[in-house]
Amino acid sequence: MQDKSIDGALIALRKSIIRGNLDGLAHVEALLTIRCVPMPRVMPAKRPDAALRGHISRLVIDALRGGPMTLRALSDRVAEARPEIGPRAAYIRTGQVLARLKLADKVRRNGRMWGLRL
C-alpha cells in the first residue's frame, strides 16, 4: 500500500471518529503525527444535503415503473422526495440521471416522454 493511501485512510478514519464522536481519536492522531501528516485544526460538519449515492436514479426508475413521464414531471417527483436540493437542482440532476440511464440502455425517450426499456 502506498504512503498516500495510508495517510488518506488515517485522515478519513479521523474524520469519521470526530463526526461520530467515537473512541480512538488519540491513537489515530498519534499515527498521523508519527507519519508527519498535518491535521486540520477544525473538522467541518458533514453537509446535510450531501449526495446519497444513486438515490435520484432509484427515484427516477421507480417513477417510470408507473409509465412514461416528462422530464418536468420526473423532476417534480425528485424535488418532492428531496426538498433540500430545490426544484432547479432537481431538474438538472434528473436530466443528468436520465442521460446516464439512456447511455446504460435502461430508459428510452419518445419525444418529450421518458420510459423504461423493456
C-alpha atoms as a PDB file:
ATOM      1  CA  MET A   1       0.000   0.000   0.000  1.00  0.00           C
ATOM      2  CA  GLN A   2       1.340   3.442  -0.865  1.00  0.00           C
ATOM      3  CA  ASP A   3       2.073   6.018   1.818  1.00  0.00           C
ATOM      4  CA  LYS A   4      -0.502   8.455   0.459  1.00  0.00           C
ATOM      5  CA  SER A   5      -3.171   5.725   0.613  1.00  0.00           C
ATOM      6  CA  ILE A   6      -2.334   5.019   4.241  1.00  0.00           C
ATOM      7  CA  ASP A   7      -2.326   8.734   5.063  1.00  0.00           C
ATOM      8  CA  GLY A   8      -5.669   9.215   3.318  1.00  0.00           C
ATOM      9  CA  ALA A   9      -7.185   6.266   5.167  1.00  0.00           C
ATOM     10  CA  LEU A  10      -5.989   7.616   8.520  1.00  0.00           C
ATOM     11  CA  ILE A  11      -7.393  11.087   7.766  1.00  0.00           C
ATOM     12  CA  ALA A  12     -10.738   9.564   6.722  1.00  0.00           C
ATOM     13  CA  LEU A  13     -10.774   7.475   9.903  1.00  0.00           C
ATOM     14  CA  ARG A  14     -10.059  10.588  11.974  1.00  0.00           C
ATOM     15  CA  LYS A  15     -12.975  12.410  10.290  1.00  0.00           C
ATOM     16  CA  SER A  16     -15.402   9.584  10.974  1.00  0.00           C
ATOM     17  CA  ILE A  17     -14.255   9.317  14.601  1.00  0.00           C
ATOM     18  CA  ILE A  18     -14.765  13.052  15.138  1.00  0.00           C
ATOM     19  CA  ARG A  19     -18.118  13.197  13.347  1.00  0.00           C
ATOM     20  CA  GLY A  20     -19.411  10.086  15.090  1.00  0.00           C
ATOM     21  CA  ASN A  21     -17.997  11.043  18.493  1.00  0.00           C
ATOM     22  CA  LEU A  22     -16.272   7.634  18.689  1.00  0.00           C
ATOM     23  CA  ASP A  23     -13.299   6.348  20.679  1.00  0.00           C
ATOM     24  CA  GLY A  24      -9.764   6.046  19.328  1.00  0.00           C
ATOM     25  CA  LEU A  25      -9.070   9.610  18.216  1.00  0.00           C
ATOM     26  CA  ALA A  26      -5.845   9.836  20.234  1.00  0.00           C
ATOM     27  CA  HIS A  27      -4.476   6.686  18.583  1.00  0.00           C
ATOM     28  CA  VAL A  28      -5.256   7.838  15.050  1.00  0.00           C
ATOM     29  CA  GLU A  29      -3.793  11.298  15.700  1.00  0.00           C
ATOM     30  CA  ALA A  30      -0.666   9.677  17.163  1.00  0.00           C
ATOM     31  CA  LEU A  31      -0.224   7.639  13.978  1.00  0.00           C
ATOM     32  CA  LEU A  32      -0.711  10.758  11.842  1.00  0.00           C
ATOM     33  CA  THR A  33       1.863  12.615  13.941  1.00  0.00           C
ATOM     34  CA  ILE A  34       4.388   9.774  13.587  1.00  0.00           C
ATOM     35  CA  ARG A  35       3.833   9.832   9.814  1.00  0.00           C
ATOM     36  CA  CYS A  36       4.269  13.672   9.770  1.00  0.00           C
ATOM     37  CA  VAL A  37       0.828  14.213   8.254  1.00  0.00           C
ATOM     38  CA  PRO A  38      -0.634  17.656   9.002  1.00  0.00           C
ATOM     39  CA  MET A  39      -4.098  17.548  10.562  1.00  0.00           C
ATOM     40  CA  PRO A  40      -6.730  20.236  10.087  1.00  0.00           C
ATOM     41  CA  ARG A  41      -7.485  22.101  13.310  1.00  0.00           C
ATOM     42  CA  VAL A  42     -11.260  22.176  12.869  1.00  0.00           C
ATOM     43  CA  MET A  43     -13.261  19.397  11.272  1.00  0.00           C
ATOM     44  CA  PRO A  44     -16.255  20.800   9.379  1.00  0.00           C
ATOM     45  CA  ALA A  45     -19.569  19.061   9.915  1.00  0.00           C
ATOM     46  CA  LYS A  46     -20.897  16.947   7.090  1.00  0.00           C
ATOM     47  CA  ARG A  47     -23.274  18.905   4.863  1.00  0.00           C
ATOM     48  CA  PRO A  48     -26.912  17.982   5.452  1.00  0.00           C
ATOM     49  CA  ASP A  49     -27.538  17.988   1.671  1.00  0.00           C
ATOM     50  CA  ALA A  50     -24.700  15.596   0.925  1.00  0.00           C
ATOM     51  CA  ALA A  51     -25.398  13.347  -2.017  1.00  0.00           C
ATOM     52  CA  LEU A  52     -26.984   9.987  -1.430  1.00  0.00           C
ATOM     53  CA  ARG A  53     -25.295   7.744  -3.965  1.00  0.00           C
ATOM     54  CA  GLY A  54     -27.790   6.503  -6.549  1.00  0.00           C
ATOM     55  CA  HIS A  55     -30.828   7.880  -4.726  1.00  0.00           C
ATOM     56  CA  ILE A  56     -32.075  10.051  -7.580  1.00  0.00           C
ATOM     57  CA  SER A  57     -31.534   7.226 -10.079  1.00  0.00           C
ATOM     58  CA  ARG A  58     -33.688   4.960  -7.946  1.00  0.00           C
ATOM     59  CA  LEU A  59     -36.353   7.663  -7.632  1.00  0.00           C
ATOM     60  CA  VAL A  60     -36.446   8.128 -11.415  1.00  0.00           C
ATOM     61  CA  ILE A  61     -36.624   4.395 -12.151  1.00  0.00           C
ATOM     62  CA  ASP A  62     -39.363   3.884  -9.552  1.00  0.00           C
ATOM     63  CA  ALA A  63     -41.374   6.770 -11.038  1.00  0.00           C
ATOM     64  CA  LEU A  64     -41.003   5.378 -14.571  1.00  0.00           C
ATOM     65  CA  ARG A  65     -42.336   1.986 -13.452  1.00  0.00           C
ATOM     66  CA  GLY A  66     -45.740   3.668 -13.358  1.00  0.00           C
ATOM     67  CA  GLY A  67     -45.462   4.623 -17.029  1.00  0.00           C
ATOM     68  CA  PRO A  68     -43.754   7.186 -19.265  1.00  0.00           C
ATOM     69  CA  MET A  69     -43.248  10.689 -17.883  1.00  0.00           C
ATOM     70  CA  THR A  70     -41.756  14.000 -18.960  1.00  0.00           C
ATOM     71  CA  LEU A  71     -38.532  15.350 -17.523  1.00  0.00           C
ATOM     72  CA  ARG A  72     -40.510  18.050 -15.691  1.00  0.00           C
ATOM     73  CA  ALA A  73     -42.842  15.503 -14.070  1.00  0.00           C
ATOM     74  CA  LEU A  74     -39.888  13.338 -13.044  1.00  0.00           C
ATOM     75  CA  SER A  75     -38.016  16.312 -11.601  1.00  0.00           C
ATOM     76  CA  ASP A  76     -41.131  17.300  -9.640  1.00  0.00           C
ATOM     77  CA  ARG A  77     -41.138  13.822  -8.077  1.00  0.00           C
ATOM     78  CA  VAL A  78     -37.434  14.152  -7.240  1.00  0.00           C
ATOM     79  CA  ALA A  79     -37.952  17.640  -5.748  1.00  0.00           C
ATOM     80  CA  GLU A  80     -40.788  16.271  -3.632  1.00  0.00           C
ATOM     81  CA  ALA A  81     -38.652  13.408  -2.337  1.00  0.00           C
ATOM     82  CA  ARG A  82     -35.511  15.553  -1.873  1.00  0.00           C
ATOM     83  CA  PRO A  83     -36.714  19.075  -0.886  1.00  0.00           C
ATOM     84  CA  GLU A  84     -33.248  20.014   0.386  1.00  0.00           C
ATOM     85  CA  ILE A  85     -31.850  20.254  -3.164  1.00  0.00           C
ATOM     86  CA  GLY A  86     -34.500  22.605  -4.566  1.00  0.00           C
ATOM     87  CA  PRO A  87     -36.578  22.403  -7.760  1.00  0.00           C
ATOM     88  CA  ARG A  88     -33.940  23.792 -10.156  1.00  0.00           C
ATOM     89  CA  ALA A  89     -31.240  21.414  -8.911  1.00  0.00           C
ATOM     90  CA  ALA A  90     -33.755  18.547  -9.020  1.00  0.00           C
ATOM     91  CA  TYR A  91     -34.490  19.342 -12.688  1.00  0.00           C
ATOM     92  CA  ILE A  92     -30.789  19.441 -13.575  1.00  0.00           C
ATOM     93  CA  ARG A  93     -29.947  16.267 -11.642  1.00  0.00           C
ATOM     94  CA  THR A  94     -32.916  14.410 -13.099  1.00  0.00           C
ATOM     95  CA  GLY A  95     -31.756  15.319 -16.598  1.00  0.00           C
ATOM     96  CA  GLN A  96     -28.262  14.077 -15.791  1.00  0.00           C
ATOM     97  CA  VAL A  97     -29.631  10.829 -14.385  1.00  0.00           C
ATOM     98  CA  LEU A  98     -31.785  10.271 -17.482  1.00  0.00           C
ATOM     99  CA  ALA A  99     -28.765  10.832 -19.729  1.00  0.00           C
ATOM    100  CA  ARG A 100     -26.747   8.246 -17.772  1.00  0.00           C
ATOM    101  CA  LEU A 101     -29.622   5.777 -17.771  1.00  0.00           C
ATOM    102  CA  LYS A 102     -30.053   6.256 -21.517  1.00  0.00           C
ATOM    103  CA  LEU A 103     -26.370   5.502 -22.095  1.00  0.00           C
ATOM    104  CA  ALA A 104     -26.794   2.371 -19.986  1.00  0.00           C
ATOM    105  CA  ASP A 105     -29.792   1.473 -22.208  1.00  0.00           C
ATOM    106  CA  LYS A 106     -32.182   1.399 -19.240  1.00  0.00           C
ATOM    107  CA  VAL A 107     -34.515   4.172 -20.436  1.00  0.00           C
ATOM    108  CA  ARG A 108     -35.706   5.430 -23.783  1.00  0.00           C
ATOM    109  CA  ARG A 109     -37.025   8.754 -24.960  1.00  0.00           C
ATOM    110  CA  ASN A 110     -40.011   9.178 -27.241  1.00  0.00           C
ATOM    111  CA  GLY A 111     -40.500  12.877 -27.930  1.00  0.00           C
ATOM    112  CA  ARG A 112     -40.783  14.523 -24.527  1.00  0.00           C
ATOM    113  CA  MET A 113     -41.697  11.313 -22.738  1.00  0.00           C
ATOM    114  CA  TRP A 114     -39.216   9.048 -20.957  1.00  0.00           C
ATOM    115  CA  GLY A 115     -39.910   5.404 -20.271  1.00  0.00           C
ATOM    116  CA  LEU A 116     -38.181   2.238 -19.119  1.00  0.00           C
ATOM    117  CA  ARG A 117     -36.742  -0.080 -21.753  1.00  0.00           C
ATOM    118  CA  LEU A 118     -38.345  -3.468 -21.745  1.00  0.00           C
END
